[in-house]
Every structure is written in structure tokens, then in C-alpha cells.
């Protein structure tokens, strides 16, 4: 029984390792897309009302480095998928594994879009009544 459990864990570990590149590609795509959306929405919605809103090479570099750090943290959390798989997937179900991966992938993919969403919320609550 112990040998079987060891093989399942190895299979699970290999399964999660083989999808890490897809996960990281998704994070890069989400980060770049969310930043572009942030820049466009910021310029259209915020910049006309708030002269302190600016996007410079420094802010782009700062946010890029910050995002790389957040990707590192996301990859640490990615390991929770493998851990949860080992703890709760007693039948070694491929469907369970895929659902768990997809949940974590789309959650992580969606997180960067909270910043552009905050730009829209900021505009609605602070500046929409000041339309020219």
C-alpha cells in the first residue's frame, strides 16, 4: 500500500509540475493585459481629473518588478494545488485534479485585473460627477 501511495504522489507531483509553465504563461499574459488596461483606463478616466496620475518609465519598471515578485508568491501558492491534490484526491481522479488546477489558474489569472477594476470604481465614485 505504501508503494502505491508513493507512486500516486509522484504522478501527482509530475502532473502539477508539467502544468507550471502554462500557469506562468497565464500570469504573464494577465499581467501585461491588465497593465495595458490600467494605462488606457487611467488615461481616459482619471488623468483628465487628477493631474498626479501618470505613467512613466519609472512607474512601469517599478510595477514590473512588483509584478515579478507577485508571480513568485503566486508560484509558491501554486504548490498548494499539489498539496490539496494529495490531501483530498484519494481516488487519484484526473477530473478532480483538472478542476483544482483550473480554479487556481483562473483565480490567479483574474487577480491582476482588480487594479483596472479599481480605476473604474475610482472614476465612478470620485470623478464621474465632474464630467466636463
Protein backbone atom coordinates (compact mmCIF):
# COMPACT_ATOMS: atom_id res chain seq x y z
CA UNK A 1 0.00 0.00 0.00
CA UNK A 2 2.86 2.38 0.83
CA UNK A 3 4.46 1.82 -2.59
CA UNK A 4 1.15 2.59 -4.32
CA UNK A 5 0.75 5.83 -2.30
CA UNK A 6 4.30 6.83 -3.25
CA UNK A 7 3.55 6.24 -6.95
CA UNK A 8 0.33 8.28 -6.76
CA UNK A 9 2.20 11.15 -5.11
CA UNK A 10 4.90 11.01 -7.76
CA UNK A 11 2.26 11.00 -10.51
CA UNK A 12 0.50 13.93 -8.85
CA UNK A 13 3.76 15.83 -8.47
CA UNK A 14 4.67 15.23 -12.11
CA UNK A 15 1.17 16.27 -13.21
CA UNK A 16 1.41 19.59 -11.36
CA UNK A 17 4.99 20.20 -12.47
CA UNK A 18 4.07 19.68 -16.11
CA UNK A 19 1.46 22.47 -15.91
CA UNK A 20 3.57 25.10 -14.15
CA UNK A 21 4.74 26.61 -17.47
CA UNK A 22 1.12 27.05 -18.61
CA UNK A 23 0.35 28.68 -15.26
CA UNK A 24 3.27 31.11 -15.56
CA UNK A 25 2.42 31.97 -19.18
CA UNK A 26 -1.09 32.80 -17.98
CA UNK A 27 0.30 35.04 -15.26
CA UNK A 28 2.50 36.91 -17.75
CA UNK A 29 -0.38 37.38 -20.21
CA UNK A 30 -2.72 38.52 -17.44
CA UNK A 31 -0.14 40.94 -16.02
CA UNK A 32 0.65 42.59 -19.35
CA UNK A 33 -3.00 42.79 -20.37
CA UNK A 34 -4.07 44.18 -17.00
CA UNK A 35 -1.31 46.80 -17.09
CA UNK A 36 -2.31 47.92 -20.60
CA UNK A 37 -5.92 48.13 -19.48
CA UNK A 38 -4.84 50.08 -16.39
CA UNK A 39 -2.86 52.54 -18.51
CA UNK A 40 -5.65 53.08 -21.04
CA UNK A 41 -8.41 53.41 -18.44
CA UNK A 42 -6.23 55.62 -16.25
CA UNK A 43 -5.51 57.97 -19.11
CA UNK A 44 -9.14 58.12 -20.25
CA UNK A 45 -10.93 58.16 -16.89
CA UNK A 46 -8.53 59.50 -14.25
CA UNK A 47 -5.92 61.70 -15.94
CA UNK A 48 -8.40 64.43 -17.04
CA UNK A 49 -9.40 64.96 -13.38
CA UNK A 50 -6.27 64.08 -11.42
CA UNK A 51 -3.02 65.66 -12.60
CA UNK A 52 -1.00 63.39 -10.28
CA UNK A 53 -1.93 60.28 -12.25
CA UNK A 54 0.98 59.49 -14.53
CA UNK A 55 2.66 56.57 -16.17
CA UNK A 56 6.41 56.96 -16.60
CA UNK A 57 9.27 54.59 -17.34
CA UNK A 58 9.98 54.53 -13.60
CA UNK A 59 6.41 53.55 -12.70
CA UNK A 60 6.37 50.92 -15.46
CA UNK A 61 9.66 49.44 -14.19
CA UNK A 62 8.51 49.63 -10.56
CA UNK A 63 5.22 47.91 -11.34
CA UNK A 64 7.00 45.32 -13.50
CA UNK A 65 9.36 44.40 -10.67
CA UNK A 66 6.43 44.34 -8.25
CA UNK A 67 4.55 42.03 -10.58
CA UNK A 68 7.53 39.67 -10.87
CA UNK A 69 7.61 39.50 -7.07
CA UNK A 70 3.87 38.72 -7.04
CA UNK A 71 4.45 35.99 -9.63
CA UNK A 72 6.98 34.46 -7.25
CA UNK A 73 4.38 34.45 -4.49
CA UNK A 74 1.78 33.02 -6.91
CA UNK A 75 4.19 30.19 -7.70
CA UNK A 76 4.56 29.46 -4.00
CA UNK A 77 0.76 29.23 -3.79
CA UNK A 78 0.77 27.02 -6.90
CA UNK A 79 2.33 24.36 -4.68
CA UNK A 80 -0.88 24.36 -2.64
CA UNK A 81 -2.57 22.73 -5.65
CA UNK A 82 -0.29 19.73 -5.39
CA UNK A 83 -0.70 19.61 -1.61
CA UNK A 84 -4.52 19.82 -1.84
CA UNK A 85 -4.48 17.19 -4.56
CA UNK A 86 -2.58 14.79 -2.29
CA UNK A 87 -4.82 15.54 0.69
CA UNK A 88 -8.25 15.42 -0.92
CA UNK A 89 -7.91 13.41 -4.13
CA UNK A 90 -7.79 9.96 -2.55
CA UNK A 91 -9.09 8.28 -5.73
CA UNK A 92 -6.37 9.90 -7.88
CA UNK A 93 -9.12 11.43 -10.03
CA UNK A 94 -7.92 13.28 -13.13
CA UNK A 95 -11.18 15.28 -13.15
CA UNK A 96 -10.59 16.50 -9.58
CA UNK A 97 -7.04 17.47 -10.48
CA UNK A 98 -8.16 19.39 -13.59
CA UNK A 99 -10.91 21.22 -11.68
CA UNK A 100 -8.47 22.19 -8.94
CA UNK A 101 -5.91 23.41 -11.47
CA UNK A 102 -8.48 25.38 -13.47
CA UNK A 103 -9.86 27.04 -10.34
CA UNK A 104 -6.39 28.14 -9.25
CA UNK A 105 -5.38 29.14 -12.78
CA UNK A 106 -8.40 31.38 -13.44
CA UNK A 107 -8.31 32.83 -9.93
CA UNK A 108 -4.65 33.76 -10.41
CA UNK A 109 -5.32 35.00 -13.95
CA UNK A 110 -8.12 37.25 -12.68
CA UNK A 111 -6.28 38.86 -9.77
CA UNK A 112 -4.24 41.37 -11.83
CA UNK A 113 -7.49 42.72 -13.29
CA UNK A 114 -8.51 44.02 -9.87
CA UNK A 115 -6.28 47.08 -10.49
CA UNK A 116 -8.03 48.23 -13.71
CA UNK A 117 -11.34 47.48 -11.99
CA UNK A 118 -10.30 49.80 -9.15
CA UNK A 119 -9.58 52.53 -11.75
CA UNK A 120 -13.18 52.27 -12.97
CA UNK A 121 -14.53 52.27 -9.40
CA UNK A 122 -12.38 55.27 -8.53
CA UNK A 123 -13.71 57.11 -11.58
CA UNK A 124 -17.34 56.29 -10.70
CA UNK A 125 -17.08 57.41 -7.09
CA UNK A 126 -14.67 60.33 -7.39
CA UNK A 127 -14.82 61.84 -10.84
CA UNK A 128 -17.95 60.81 -12.76
CA UNK A 129 -19.95 63.72 -11.32
CA UNK A 130 -17.27 66.16 -12.57
CA UNK A 131 -17.80 65.45 -16.28
CA UNK A 132 -16.78 68.34 -18.48
